Amino acid sequence: MVLLREGLSIAYYVRAPHEEIASAVWRAFERYRKAIEPRVFDAYLDVYTGDRPRFDAEGEAVLRARMLRPASGIAEVHELYHSATGICFKYEGRGTTAPNFHDAYPENTCCLEFRLPTEFLDERGPEWIRALAIDLGSELPWNSGHAGLSLEAHAWTQAITPRLQEVTRRHPGFDLVHRLNRLALYLGTKLRPPAWLTFLGPPVLNELGGAEGLRSRLHSPSTQVEALSPDRAVVSLGPVPEAGDLDAGDTLPAYRELARVLEPWLYAHKGDWGFFTEAEVRQWERRFL
């Protein structure tokens, strides 16, 4: 059993209600399944019972029906139900008919994450990963997103917390996407910290003056800004994702430059997180500033 491993994460955040994007989310999941072949999923999380049924034809039909319900959609599908392997899909979405959709959680946001093992960087190359990340978001009216190195905590226990603290302190290029359900309640149109690929849409990109306005603020020779549509763009921080190493003086200056530009819109988590205190979370979220 592996509880923590390095990997790659592709995530999108969509302010549209679940019922408007459910079919597009399922199609993105199907493209992801096709892209990772011959790797396959073993089990999914039954959010009603906590069990991990097999993701066979019957399991797929059950999950698909639940995902396409208008009130909400929740999915968590793993290559191995008991271990982190780098292959995983998660989705949290709430529709307008969900209880307290407007009042209790006005910043409700649909969140989805696709994971890839780091071996894919060598086996398929960074350009393949970049193309896949753009494709997975192609049908979604996303407001923001990111793709890059990430730590996969299959189960956040106290035993792995020292290792998480060590890696996140020393290597700022590693993200940690955990408790997607909580993020979905509070993110709104705020942004998570920059990654190798940072996807920007409305309203933030519009406030920056579009792709051209954003490009004029970034001067690192390794940074590229590509318009994907009139109101959406992707910022690439170099040809490959980098972990950085603060102990060796590798501070990831291109990431820091982008973080300074995006600082007014960055999300700030409230409260503790896993076994991180609120102060530790805040320090980590602002690691590029």
Protein backbone atom coordinates (compact mmCIF):
# COMPACT_ATOMS: atom_id res chain seq x y z
CA MET A 1 0.00 0.00 0.00
CA VAL A 2 1.31 3.44 -1.01
CA LEU A 3 -0.27 6.37 0.83
CA LEU A 4 1.80 9.17 -0.71
CA ARG A 5 3.53 9.50 -4.05
CA GLU A 6 4.67 12.11 -6.52
CA GLY A 7 2.56 12.56 -9.63
CA LEU A 8 0.95 15.04 -11.98
CA SER A 9 -2.39 16.74 -11.47
CA ILE A 10 -4.69 18.36 -14.02
CA ALA A 11 -7.51 20.33 -12.38
CA TYR A 12 -10.30 22.62 -13.55
CA TYR A 13 -12.63 24.87 -11.57
CA VAL A 14 -16.01 25.80 -13.06
CA ARG A 15 -18.52 28.24 -11.55
CA ALA A 16 -21.37 26.93 -13.72
CA PRO A 17 -23.85 24.70 -11.82
CA HIS A 18 -23.45 20.95 -12.06
CA GLU A 19 -26.52 20.33 -14.22
CA GLU A 20 -25.08 22.52 -16.97
CA ILE A 21 -21.74 20.72 -17.20
CA ALA A 22 -22.42 17.14 -16.04
CA SER A 23 -22.42 15.62 -19.53
CA ALA A 24 -19.24 17.49 -20.51
CA VAL A 25 -17.52 16.33 -17.30
CA TRP A 26 -18.41 12.71 -18.08
CA ARG A 27 -17.10 13.07 -21.64
CA ALA A 28 -13.84 14.51 -20.28
CA PHE A 29 -13.57 11.51 -17.95
CA GLU A 30 -14.07 9.15 -20.91
CA ARG A 31 -11.31 10.91 -22.87
CA TYR A 32 -9.04 10.62 -19.84
CA ARG A 33 -9.77 6.87 -19.60
CA LYS A 34 -8.87 6.47 -23.26
CA ALA A 35 -5.68 8.53 -22.89
CA ILE A 36 -4.25 6.49 -20.01
CA GLU A 37 -4.68 3.10 -21.70
CA PRO A 38 -3.51 0.39 -21.11
CA ARG A 39 -3.91 1.53 -17.47
CA VAL A 40 -7.46 0.93 -16.20
CA PHE A 41 -9.58 1.72 -13.16
CA ASP A 42 -10.21 -0.89 -10.50
CA ALA A 43 -12.75 0.70 -8.15
CA TYR A 44 -14.78 3.79 -7.36
CA LEU A 45 -15.89 5.34 -4.09
CA ASP A 46 -19.55 4.88 -3.21
CA VAL A 47 -20.17 8.14 -1.36
CA TYR A 48 -23.37 6.78 0.16
CA THR A 49 -21.83 3.72 1.83
CA GLY A 50 -18.09 4.44 1.90
CA ASP A 51 -17.48 1.16 0.06
CA ARG A 52 -15.19 0.73 -2.98
CA PRO A 53 -17.18 -1.27 -5.58
CA ARG A 54 -15.47 -2.63 -8.67
CA PHE A 55 -15.43 -0.27 -11.64
CA ASP A 56 -16.73 -2.90 -14.04
CA ALA A 57 -19.60 -2.40 -16.49
CA GLU A 58 -22.14 -2.39 -13.68
CA GLY A 59 -20.09 -0.01 -11.55
CA GLU A 60 -19.60 2.34 -14.48
CA ALA A 61 -23.36 2.45 -15.13
CA VAL A 62 -24.06 3.25 -11.48
CA LEU A 63 -21.45 6.01 -11.33
CA ARG A 64 -22.54 7.54 -14.62
CA ALA A 65 -26.18 7.68 -13.50
CA ARG A 66 -25.17 9.38 -10.26
CA MET A 67 -22.86 11.81 -12.04
CA LEU A 68 -25.62 12.94 -14.41
CA ARG A 69 -28.16 13.70 -11.69
CA PRO A 70 -29.03 17.42 -11.72
CA ALA A 71 -28.71 18.18 -8.00
CA SER A 72 -25.10 17.10 -7.57
CA GLY A 73 -22.38 14.87 -8.93
CA ILE A 74 -19.57 13.28 -6.97
CA ALA A 75 -17.00 10.87 -8.34
CA GLU A 76 -13.76 9.32 -7.12
CA VAL A 77 -12.30 6.55 -9.28
CA HIS A 78 -8.94 4.85 -8.63
CA GLU A 79 -6.64 2.49 -10.47
CA LEU A 80 -6.23 0.68 -7.14
CA TYR A 81 -8.70 1.35 -4.36
CA HIS A 82 -6.14 0.73 -1.60
CA SER A 83 -3.05 2.51 -2.96
CA ALA A 84 -1.82 5.65 -4.70
CA THR A 85 -0.69 4.80 -8.24
CA GLY A 86 -0.86 8.14 -10.02
CA ILE A 87 -4.10 7.23 -11.82
CA CYS A 88 -7.21 8.80 -10.27
CA PHE A 89 -10.22 10.96 -11.20
CA LYS A 90 -12.20 13.13 -8.78
CA TYR A 91 -15.16 15.42 -9.26
CA GLU A 92 -17.28 17.56 -6.94
CA GLY A 93 -20.22 19.46 -8.37
CA ARG A 94 -23.46 20.93 -7.04
CA GLY A 95 -26.49 22.00 -9.01
CA THR A 96 -28.96 24.78 -8.37
CA THR A 97 -31.44 22.35 -6.79
CA ALA A 98 -28.94 21.20 -4.15
CA PRO A 99 -29.87 22.27 -0.59
CA ASN A 100 -28.60 25.76 0.31
CA PHE A 101 -26.89 26.11 -3.07
CA HIS A 102 -27.24 29.90 -3.11
CA ASP A 103 -27.40 30.84 0.56
CA ALA A 104 -25.02 28.70 2.62
CA TYR A 105 -22.25 28.44 0.01
CA PRO A 106 -22.39 31.39 -2.41
CA GLU A 107 -18.90 30.50 -3.73
CA ASN A 108 -19.93 26.99 -4.86
CA THR A 109 -17.65 25.80 -7.66
CA CYS A 110 -17.52 22.53 -9.58
CA CYS A 111 -14.04 21.01 -9.23
CA LEU A 112 -12.50 18.15 -11.18
CA GLU A 113 -9.06 16.57 -11.05
CA PHE A 114 -7.30 14.07 -13.30
CA ARG A 115 -4.09 12.46 -12.07
CA LEU A 116 -1.18 11.04 -14.05
CA PRO A 117 1.92 9.19 -12.84
CA THR A 118 5.25 11.01 -13.22
CA GLU A 119 6.43 8.13 -15.41
CA PHE A 120 4.28 9.61 -18.18
CA LEU A 121 6.71 12.54 -18.42
CA ASP A 122 9.37 10.15 -19.73
CA GLU A 123 7.08 7.67 -21.48
CA ARG A 124 4.86 10.18 -23.34
CA GLY A 125 6.56 13.52 -22.91
CA PRO A 126 5.53 16.92 -21.55
CA GLU A 127 3.94 18.04 -24.83
CA TRP A 128 1.59 15.03 -24.70
CA ILE A 129 0.61 15.97 -21.14
CA ARG A 130 0.09 19.61 -22.12
CA ALA A 131 -2.12 18.63 -25.07
CA LEU A 132 -4.12 16.26 -22.87
CA ALA A 133 -4.64 18.93 -20.21
CA ILE A 134 -5.99 21.38 -22.80
CA ASP A 135 -8.19 18.70 -24.34
CA LEU A 136 -9.71 17.66 -21.00
CA GLY A 137 -10.91 21.21 -20.44
CA SER A 138 -11.98 21.88 -24.02
CA GLU A 139 -15.74 21.40 -23.43
CA LEU A 140 -15.86 22.98 -19.99
CA PRO A 141 -16.65 26.66 -19.29
CA TRP A 142 -13.84 26.78 -16.73
CA ASN A 143 -12.84 29.87 -14.83
CA SER A 144 -9.40 28.60 -13.85
CA GLY A 145 -7.29 25.48 -13.67
CA HIS A 146 -3.77 24.16 -13.49
CA ALA A 147 -1.55 21.23 -14.42
CA GLY A 148 1.80 20.23 -12.98
CA LEU A 149 3.66 18.26 -10.38
CA SER A 150 1.58 17.27 -7.40
CA LEU A 151 1.64 15.04 -4.35
CA GLU A 152 -1.03 12.36 -4.24
CA ALA A 153 -2.09 11.68 -0.67
CA HIS A 154 -4.24 8.57 -0.96
CA ALA A 155 -5.00 8.84 2.74
CA TRP A 156 -3.67 11.77 4.74
CA THR A 157 -2.51 10.20 7.99
CA GLN A 158 -0.41 11.68 10.76
CA ALA A 159 2.37 9.28 9.78
CA ILE A 160 2.89 10.84 6.34
CA THR A 161 2.55 14.45 7.52
CA PRO A 162 6.31 14.96 8.21
CA ARG A 163 7.07 13.87 4.65
CA LEU A 164 4.40 16.21 3.27
CA GLN A 165 5.84 19.07 5.30
CA GLU A 166 9.37 18.30 4.09
CA VAL A 167 8.47 18.14 0.39
CA THR A 168 6.14 21.14 0.34
CA ARG A 169 8.70 23.25 2.25
CA ARG A 170 11.66 22.39 0.04
CA HIS A 171 10.08 21.86 -3.42
CA PRO A 172 7.52 24.60 -4.14
CA GLY A 173 6.70 23.21 -7.58
CA PHE A 174 4.72 20.36 -5.99
CA ASP A 175 1.04 21.06 -5.50
CA LEU A 176 -1.20 19.25 -3.03
CA VAL A 177 -4.86 18.97 -4.08
CA HIS A 178 -6.70 17.48 -1.13
CA ARG A 179 -10.30 17.58 0.11
CA LEU A 180 -11.77 18.64 -3.21
CA ASN A 181 -15.19 18.69 -1.53
CA ARG A 182 -14.15 21.56 0.75
CA LEU A 183 -12.47 23.48 -2.06
CA ALA A 184 -15.68 23.22 -4.10
CA LEU A 185 -17.61 25.08 -1.40
CA TYR A 186 -15.35 28.11 -1.06
CA LEU A 187 -13.12 28.66 -4.13
CA GLY A 188 -15.51 30.76 -6.23
CA THR A 189 -13.54 32.52 -8.96
CA LYS A 190 -10.39 32.80 -6.85
CA LEU A 191 -7.20 31.12 -8.09
CA ARG A 192 -5.02 28.43 -6.65
CA PRO A 193 -1.22 29.01 -6.76
CA PRO A 194 0.56 28.94 -10.14
CA ALA A 195 1.62 25.62 -11.65
CA TRP A 196 3.55 24.52 -14.73
CA LEU A 197 0.36 25.21 -16.70
CA THR A 198 -2.03 27.81 -15.31
CA PHE A 199 -5.42 28.17 -16.98
CA LEU A 200 -7.07 31.58 -16.67
CA GLY A 201 -10.59 32.51 -17.73
CA PRO A 202 -13.26 34.98 -16.69
CA PRO A 203 -13.37 37.11 -14.68
CA VAL A 204 -9.65 37.22 -13.82
CA LEU A 205 -8.25 37.12 -17.36
CA ASN A 206 -10.63 39.90 -18.41
CA GLU A 207 -9.48 42.03 -15.46
CA LEU A 208 -5.87 41.49 -16.56
CA GLY A 209 -6.64 42.78 -20.04
CA GLY A 210 -6.94 39.41 -21.75
CA ALA A 211 -4.07 37.26 -22.98
CA GLU A 212 -2.21 40.30 -24.35
CA GLY A 213 -2.52 42.21 -21.10
CA LEU A 214 -1.27 39.23 -19.13
CA ARG A 215 1.60 38.64 -21.57
CA SER A 216 2.78 42.24 -21.13
CA ARG A 217 3.22 41.67 -17.38
CA LEU A 218 5.34 38.52 -17.64
CA HIS A 219 9.00 38.78 -18.63
CA SER A 220 10.58 35.44 -17.80
CA PRO A 221 12.11 33.97 -20.98
CA SER A 222 10.63 30.54 -20.16
CA THR A 223 7.03 31.83 -19.86
CA GLN A 224 4.55 31.57 -22.72
CA VAL A 225 0.95 32.83 -22.82
CA GLU A 226 -1.35 31.15 -25.34
CA ALA A 227 -4.90 32.35 -25.99
CA LEU A 228 -7.31 29.41 -26.16
CA SER A 229 -10.37 31.58 -26.87
CA PRO A 230 -11.20 35.29 -26.58
CA ASP A 231 -11.59 35.01 -22.79
CA ARG A 232 -9.41 32.03 -21.86
CA ALA A 233 -5.65 31.43 -21.92
CA VAL A 234 -3.00 29.05 -20.66
CA VAL A 235 0.31 30.21 -19.18
CA SER A 236 3.18 27.73 -19.62
CA LEU A 237 6.09 28.13 -17.21
CA GLY A 238 8.80 26.38 -19.20
CA PRO A 239 8.81 23.27 -21.40
CA VAL A 240 8.57 20.82 -18.48
CA PRO A 241 7.14 20.98 -14.95
CA GLU A 242 9.75 21.80 -12.30
CA ALA A 243 9.83 20.96 -8.60
CA GLY A 244 12.37 23.58 -7.58
CA ASP A 245 14.69 23.12 -4.60
CA LEU A 246 14.91 25.96 -2.11
CA ASP A 247 17.83 24.30 -0.31
CA ALA A 248 19.83 24.46 -3.54
CA GLY A 249 18.72 28.00 -4.42
CA ASP A 250 16.28 26.94 -7.17
CA THR A 251 13.36 29.21 -6.27
CA LEU A 252 11.38 28.89 -9.55
CA PRO A 253 11.51 32.60 -10.51
CA ALA A 254 9.00 32.25 -13.36
CA TYR A 255 6.43 30.79 -10.95
CA ARG A 256 7.10 33.64 -8.52
CA GLU A 257 6.66 36.26 -11.22
CA LEU A 258 3.26 34.82 -12.19
CA ALA A 259 2.22 34.57 -8.52
CA ARG A 260 2.97 38.28 -8.01
CA VAL A 261 0.78 39.18 -10.99
CA LEU A 262 -2.07 36.96 -9.77
CA GLU A 263 -1.77 37.79 -6.05
CA PRO A 264 -4.96 39.90 -5.82
CA TRP A 265 -7.03 36.91 -6.95
CA LEU A 266 -5.34 34.07 -5.05
CA TYR A 267 -7.49 31.85 -2.85
CA ALA A 268 -6.82 31.74 0.90
CA HIS A 269 -7.90 28.60 2.72
CA LYS A 270 -9.54 29.19 6.10
CA GLY A 271 -8.80 26.87 9.00
CA ASP A 272 -6.50 23.87 9.24
CA TRP A 273 -6.12 21.28 6.49
CA GLY A 274 -5.40 17.64 7.11
CA PHE A 275 -2.64 17.71 9.73
CA PHE A 276 -1.40 21.16 8.65
CA THR A 277 -2.22 24.07 10.93
CA GLU A 278 -3.87 27.16 9.49
CA ALA A 279 -0.52 28.99 9.66
CA GLU A 280 1.23 26.16 7.77
CA VAL A 281 -1.47 26.15 5.11
CA ARG A 282 -1.23 29.90 4.67
CA GLN A 283 2.57 29.74 4.36
CA TRP A 284 2.31 26.98 1.77
CA GLU A 285 -0.35 28.75 -0.30
CA ARG A 286 1.85 31.84 -0.44
CA ARG A 287 5.05 29.92 -1.14
CA PHE A 288 5.74 31.84 -4.36
CA LEU A 289 5.21 35.27 -2.81
